[in-house]
Amino acid sequence: MAEQKTINRAKLLFMQQLKYNESQAHRTLQKQAMDQKVSLAEMAGLVIKASGSK
Protein backbone atom coordinates (compact mmCIF):
# COMPACT_ATOMS: atom_id res chain seq x y z
CA MET A 1 0.00 0.00 0.00
CA ALA A 2 2.75 2.47 0.94
CA GLU A 3 4.73 1.53 -2.17
CA GLN A 4 1.72 2.23 -4.38
CA LYS A 5 1.26 5.65 -2.77
CA THR A 6 4.91 6.46 -3.49
CA ILE A 7 4.57 5.34 -7.11
CA ASN A 8 1.38 7.36 -7.58
CA ARG A 9 3.03 10.45 -6.08
CA ALA A 10 6.00 10.15 -8.44
CA LYS A 11 3.65 9.74 -11.41
CA LEU A 12 1.76 12.84 -10.29
CA LEU A 13 5.01 14.80 -10.23
CA PHE A 14 5.76 13.75 -13.81
CA MET A 15 2.24 14.67 -14.82
CA GLN A 16 2.46 18.12 -13.22
CA GLN A 17 6.02 19.04 -14.14
CA LEU A 18 6.36 17.43 -17.56
CA LYS A 19 2.70 17.58 -18.61
CA TYR A 20 2.61 13.79 -19.11
CA ASN A 21 -0.56 11.77 -19.03
CA GLU A 22 -0.72 8.91 -16.50
CA SER A 23 0.40 6.31 -19.02
CA GLN A 24 3.45 8.33 -20.07
CA ALA A 25 4.35 9.00 -16.44
CA HIS A 26 4.11 5.32 -15.53
CA ARG A 27 6.19 4.23 -18.52
CA THR A 28 8.86 6.83 -17.76
CA LEU A 29 9.05 5.65 -14.16
CA GLN A 30 9.28 2.01 -15.30
CA LYS A 31 12.02 2.78 -17.79
CA GLN A 32 14.09 4.70 -15.26
CA ALA A 33 13.73 1.85 -12.77
CA MET A 34 14.85 -0.70 -15.37
CA ASP A 35 17.75 1.46 -16.51
CA GLN A 36 19.01 1.88 -12.94
CA LYS A 37 18.17 -1.72 -11.96
CA VAL A 38 16.00 -0.76 -8.99
CA SER A 39 12.40 -1.51 -8.10
CA LEU A 40 9.60 0.73 -9.27
CA ALA A 41 8.94 1.85 -5.69
CA GLU A 42 12.63 2.68 -5.13
CA MET A 43 12.72 4.72 -8.33
CA ALA A 44 9.56 6.54 -7.31
CA GLY A 45 11.18 7.41 -3.99
CA LEU A 46 14.24 8.77 -5.78
CA VAL A 47 12.07 10.88 -8.10
CA ILE A 48 10.19 12.33 -5.13
CA LYS A 49 13.43 13.02 -3.26
CA ALA A 50 14.97 14.70 -6.32
CA SER A 51 11.93 16.93 -6.73
CA GLY A 52 12.32 18.23 -3.20
CA SER A 53 8.94 16.87 -2.09
CA LYS A 54 8.47 15.02 1.19
PDB file of N, CA and C in Angstrom:
ATOM      1  N   MET A   1       0.831  -1.197   0.000  1.00  0.00           N
ATOM      2  CA  MET A   1       0.000   0.000   0.000  1.00  0.00           C
ATOM      3  C   MET A   1       0.878   1.264   0.000  1.00  0.00           C
ATOM      4  N   ALA A   2       1.872   1.305   0.871  1.00  0.00           N
ATOM      5  CA  ALA A   2       2.748   2.472   0.937  1.00  0.00           C
ATOM      6  C   ALA A   2       3.546   2.621  -0.353  1.00  0.00           C
ATOM      7  N   GLU A   3       3.978   1.482  -0.914  1.00  0.00           N
ATOM      8  CA  GLU A   3       4.728   1.533  -2.167  1.00  0.00           C
ATOM      9  C   GLU A   3       3.875   2.116  -3.291  1.00  0.00           C
ATOM     10  N   GLN A   4       2.608   1.727  -3.340  1.00  0.00           N
ATOM     11  CA  GLN A   4       1.718   2.231  -4.384  1.00  0.00           C
ATOM     12  C   GLN A   4       1.496   3.727  -4.235  1.00  0.00           C
ATOM     13  N   LYS A   5       1.413   4.205  -3.005  1.00  0.00           N
ATOM     14  CA  LYS A   5       1.259   5.646  -2.774  1.00  0.00           C
ATOM     15  C   LYS A   5       2.485   6.400  -3.283  1.00  0.00           C
ATOM     16  N   THR A   6       3.667   5.845  -3.039  1.00  0.00           N
ATOM     17  CA  THR A   6       4.909   6.463  -3.492  1.00  0.00           C
ATOM     18  C   THR A   6       4.950   6.504  -5.014  1.00  0.00           C
ATOM     19  N   ILE A   7       4.580   5.405  -5.642  1.00  0.00           N
ATOM     20  CA  ILE A   7       4.566   5.337  -7.109  1.00  0.00           C
ATOM     21  C   ILE A   7       3.578   6.358  -7.675  1.00  0.00           C
ATOM     22  N   ASN A   8       2.399   6.417  -7.097  1.00  0.00           N
ATOM     23  CA  ASN A   8       1.385   7.364  -7.581  1.00  0.00           C
ATOM     24  C   ASN A   8       1.843   8.813  -7.410  1.00  0.00           C
ATOM     25  N   ARG A   9       2.533   9.091  -6.318  1.00  0.00           N
ATOM     26  CA  ARG A   9       3.025  10.455  -6.084  1.00  0.00           C
ATOM     27  C   ARG A   9       4.080  10.834  -7.127  1.00  0.00           C
ATOM     28  N   ALA A  10       4.973   9.893  -7.430  1.00  0.00           N
ATOM     29  CA  ALA A  10       5.999  10.147  -8.443  1.00  0.00           C
ATOM     30  C   ALA A  10       5.353  10.360  -9.818  1.00  0.00           C
ATOM     31  N   LYS A  11       4.356   9.556 -10.135  1.00  0.00           N
ATOM     32  CA  LYS A  11       3.654   9.741 -11.414  1.00  0.00           C
ATOM     33  C   LYS A  11       2.990  11.113 -11.460  1.00  0.00           C
ATOM     34  N   LEU A  12       2.404  11.525 -10.353  1.00  0.00           N
ATOM     35  CA  LEU A  12       1.758  12.839 -10.292  1.00  0.00           C
ATOM     36  C   LEU A  12       2.772  13.953 -10.537  1.00  0.00           C
ATOM     37  N   LEU A  13       3.970  13.805  -9.986  1.00  0.00           N
ATOM     38  CA  LEU A  13       5.013  14.805 -10.225  1.00  0.00           C
ATOM     39  C   LEU A  13       5.352  14.893 -11.711  1.00  0.00           C
ATOM     40  N   PHE A  14       5.505  13.752 -12.360  1.00  0.00           N
ATOM     41  CA  PHE A  14       5.763  13.755 -13.809  1.00  0.00           C
ATOM     42  C   PHE A  14       4.618  14.415 -14.562  1.00  0.00           C
ATOM     43  N   MET A  15       3.407  14.120 -14.136  1.00  0.00           N
ATOM     44  CA  MET A  15       2.242  14.670 -14.817  1.00  0.00           C
ATOM     45  C   MET A  15       2.175  16.194 -14.647  1.00  0.00           C
ATOM     46  N   GLN A  16       2.512  16.679 -13.471  1.00  0.00           N
ATOM     47  CA  GLN A  16       2.464  18.120 -13.216  1.00  0.00           C
ATOM     48  C   GLN A  16       3.635  18.853 -13.860  1.00  0.00           C
ATOM     49  N   GLN A  17       4.826  18.321 -13.694  1.00  0.00           N
ATOM     50  CA  GLN A  17       6.016  19.037 -14.135  1.00  0.00           C
ATOM     51  C   GLN A  17       6.298  18.877 -15.622  1.00  0.00           C
ATOM     52  N   LEU A  18       6.029  17.692 -16.163  1.00  0.00           N
ATOM     53  CA  LEU A  18       6.361  17.426 -17.559  1.00  0.00           C
ATOM     54  C   LEU A  18       5.132  17.372 -18.463  1.00  0.00           C
ATOM     55  N   LYS A  19       3.967  17.588 -17.871  1.00  0.00           N
ATOM     56  CA  LYS A  19       2.698  17.575 -18.615  1.00  0.00           C
ATOM     57  C   LYS A  19       2.439  16.226 -19.290  1.00  0.00           C
ATOM     58  N   TYR A  20       2.863  15.139 -18.607  1.00  0.00           N
ATOM     59  CA  TYR A  20       2.613  13.786 -19.113  1.00  0.00           C
ATOM     60  C   TYR A  20       1.221  13.351 -18.712  1.00  0.00           C
ATOM     61  N   ASN A  21       0.660  12.414 -19.495  1.00  0.00           N
ATOM     62  CA  ASN A  21      -0.558  11.767 -19.025  1.00  0.00           C
ATOM     63  C   ASN A  21      -0.133  10.614 -18.113  1.00  0.00           C
ATOM     64  N   GLU A  22      -1.070   9.943 -17.481  1.00  0.00           N
ATOM     65  CA  GLU A  22      -0.720   8.909 -16.503  1.00  0.00           C
ATOM     66  C   GLU A  22       0.071   7.768 -17.129  1.00  0.00           C
ATOM     67  N   SER A  23      -0.302   7.392 -18.332  1.00  0.00           N
ATOM     68  CA  SER A  23       0.399   6.308 -19.023  1.00  0.00           C
ATOM     69  C   SER A  23       1.856   6.670 -19.309  1.00  0.00           C
ATOM     70  N   GLN A  24       2.086   7.871 -19.790  1.00  0.00           N
ATOM     71  CA  GLN A  24       3.450   8.332 -20.066  1.00  0.00           C
ATOM     72  C   GLN A  24       4.269   8.400 -18.777  1.00  0.00           C
ATOM     73  N   ALA A  25       3.660   8.888 -17.719  1.00  0.00           N
ATOM     74  CA  ALA A  25       4.350   9.000 -16.438  1.00  0.00           C
ATOM     75  C   ALA A  25       4.742   7.629 -15.907  1.00  0.00           C
ATOM     76  N   HIS A  26       3.838   6.674 -16.007  1.00  0.00           N
ATOM     77  CA  HIS A  26       4.114   5.316 -15.528  1.00  0.00           C
ATOM     78  C   HIS A  26       5.229   4.675 -16.346  1.00  0.00           C
ATOM     79  N   ARG A  27       5.166   4.822 -17.652  1.00  0.00           N
ATOM     80  CA  ARG A  27       6.186   4.230 -18.524  1.00  0.00           C
ATOM     81  C   ARG A  27       7.558   4.859 -18.264  1.00  0.00           C
ATOM     82  N   THR A  28       7.600   6.155 -18.058  1.00  0.00           N
ATOM     83  CA  THR A  28       8.858   6.832 -17.758  1.00  0.00           C
ATOM     84  C   THR A  28       9.441   6.314 -16.453  1.00  0.00           C
ATOM     85  N   LEU A  29       8.602   6.170 -15.451  1.00  0.00           N
ATOM     86  CA  LEU A  29       9.045   5.649 -14.162  1.00  0.00           C
ATOM     87  C   LEU A  29       9.568   4.218 -14.307  1.00  0.00           C
ATOM     88  N   GLN A  30       8.846   3.395 -15.060  1.00  0.00           N
ATOM     89  CA  GLN A  30       9.278   2.015 -15.303  1.00  0.00           C
ATOM     90  C   GLN A  30      10.632   1.976 -16.002  1.00  0.00           C
ATOM     91  N   LYS A  31      10.784   2.788 -17.028  1.00  0.00           N
ATOM     92  CA  LYS A  31      12.023   2.782 -17.793  1.00  0.00           C
ATOM     93  C   LYS A  31      13.202   3.218 -16.939  1.00  0.00           C
ATOM     94  N   GLN A  32      13.008   4.243 -16.136  1.00  0.00           N
ATOM     95  CA  GLN A  32      14.085   4.702 -15.258  1.00  0.00           C
ATOM     96  C   GLN A  32      14.464   3.619 -14.253  1.00  0.00           C
ATOM     97  N   ALA A  33      13.463   2.927 -13.721  1.00  0.00           N
ATOM     98  CA  ALA A  33      13.728   1.849 -12.766  1.00  0.00           C
ATOM     99  C   ALA A  33      14.512   0.722 -13.435  1.00  0.00           C
ATOM    100  N   MET A  34      14.127   0.358 -14.644  1.00  0.00           N
ATOM    101  CA  MET A  34      14.847  -0.698 -15.366  1.00  0.00           C
ATOM    102  C   MET A  34      16.270  -0.268 -15.687  1.00  0.00           C
ATOM    103  N   ASP A  35      16.424   0.958 -16.146  1.00  0.00           N
ATOM    104  CA  ASP A  35      17.754   1.461 -16.507  1.00  0.00           C
ATOM    105  C   ASP A  35      18.704   1.475 -15.311  1.00  0.00           C
ATOM    106  N   GLN A  36      18.174   1.786 -14.133  1.00  0.00           N
ATOM    107  CA  GLN A  36      19.013   1.876 -12.944  1.00  0.00           C
ATOM    108  C   GLN A  36      19.002   0.585 -12.119  1.00  0.00           C
ATOM    109  N   LYS A  37      18.245  -0.408 -12.613  1.00  0.00           N
ATOM    110  CA  LYS A  37      18.168  -1.719 -11.955  1.00  0.00           C
ATOM    111  C   LYS A  37      17.695  -1.631 -10.502  1.00  0.00           C
ATOM    112  N   VAL A  38      16.634  -0.871 -10.308  1.00  0.00           N
ATOM    113  CA  VAL A  38      16.005  -0.764  -8.988  1.00  0.00           C
ATOM    114  C   VAL A  38      14.514  -1.043  -9.152  1.00  0.00           C
ATOM    115  N   SER A  39      13.842  -1.260  -8.035  1.00  0.00           N
ATOM    116  CA  SER A  39      12.404  -1.515  -8.101  1.00  0.00           C
ATOM    117  C   SER A  39      11.652  -0.233  -8.468  1.00  0.00           C
ATOM    118  N   LEU A  40      10.442  -0.414  -8.906  1.00  0.00           N
ATOM    119  CA  LEU A  40       9.602   0.731  -9.272  1.00  0.00           C
ATOM    120  C   LEU A  40       9.388   1.649  -8.065  1.00  0.00           C
ATOM    121  N   ALA A  41       9.156   1.055  -6.905  1.00  0.00           N
ATOM    122  CA  ALA A  41       8.939   1.846  -5.691  1.00  0.00           C
ATOM    123  C   ALA A  41      10.206   2.621  -5.297  1.00  0.00           C
ATOM    124  N   GLU A  42      11.377   1.989  -5.436  1.00  0.00           N
ATOM    125  CA  GLU A  42      12.630   2.681  -5.126  1.00  0.00           C
ATOM    126  C   GLU A  42      12.836   3.861  -6.071  1.00  0.00           C
ATOM    127  N   MET A  43      12.563   3.644  -7.350  1.00  0.00           N
ATOM    128  CA  MET A  43      12.720   4.717  -8.330  1.00  0.00           C
ATOM    129  C   MET A  43      11.763   5.852  -8.019  1.00  0.00           C
ATOM    130  N   ALA A  44      10.551   5.516  -7.661  1.00  0.00           N
ATOM    131  CA  ALA A  44       9.563   6.535  -7.307  1.00  0.00           C
ATOM    132  C   ALA A  44      10.053   7.365  -6.132  1.00  0.00           C
ATOM    133  N   GLY A  45      10.632   6.697  -5.142  1.00  0.00           N
ATOM    134  CA  GLY A  45      11.178   7.406  -3.985  1.00  0.00           C
ATOM    135  C   GLY A  45      12.296   8.356  -4.386  1.00  0.00           C
ATOM    136  N   LEU A  46      13.148   7.914  -5.303  1.00  0.00           N
ATOM    137  CA  LEU A  46      14.238   8.771  -5.785  1.00  0.00           C
ATOM    138  C   LEU A  46      13.712   9.981  -6.540  1.00  0.00           C
ATOM    139  N   VAL A  47      12.683   9.776  -7.335  1.00  0.00           N
ATOM    140  CA  VAL A  47      12.074  10.878  -8.099  1.00  0.00           C
ATOM    141  C   VAL A  47      11.492  11.913  -7.128  1.00  0.00           C
ATOM    142  N   ILE A  48      10.798  11.425  -6.115  1.00  0.00           N
ATOM    143  CA  ILE A  48      10.193  12.328  -5.131  1.00  0.00           C
ATOM    144  C   ILE A  48      11.281  13.090  -4.379  1.00  0.00           C
ATOM    145  N   LYS A  49      12.318  12.377  -3.987  1.00  0.00           N
ATOM    146  CA  LYS A  49      13.429  13.017  -3.258  1.00  0.00           C
ATOM    147  C   LYS A  49      14.103  14.077  -4.136  1.00  0.00           C
ATOM    148  N   ALA A  50      14.314  13.765  -5.407  1.00  0.00           N
ATOM    149  CA  ALA A  50      14.972  14.695  -6.318  1.00  0.00           C
ATOM    150  C   ALA A  50      14.125  15.941  -6.577  1.00  0.00           C
ATOM    151  N   SER A  51      12.814  15.777  -6.486  1.00  0.00           N
ATOM    152  CA  SER A  51      11.932  16.926  -6.727  1.00  0.00           C
ATOM    153  C   SER A  51      11.874  17.874  -5.540  1.00  0.00           C
ATOM    154  N   GLY A  52      12.365  17.403  -4.396  1.00  0.00           N
ATOM    155  CA  GLY A  52      12.318  18.229  -3.198  1.00  0.00           C
ATOM    156  C   GLY A  52      11.043  18.064  -2.389  1.00  0.00           C
ATOM    157  N   SER A  53      10.177  17.139  -2.828  1.00  0.00           N
ATOM    158  CA  SER A  53       8.943  16.875  -2.087  1.00  0.00           C
ATOM    159  C   SER A  53       9.229  15.954  -0.909  1.00  0.00           C
ATOM    160  N   LYS A  54       8.308  15.917   0.038  1.00  0.00           N
ATOM    161  CA  LYS A  54       8.466  15.023   1.189  1.00  0.00           C
ATOM    162  C   LYS A  54       7.999  13.639   0.849  1.00  0.00           C
TER     163      LYS A  54
END
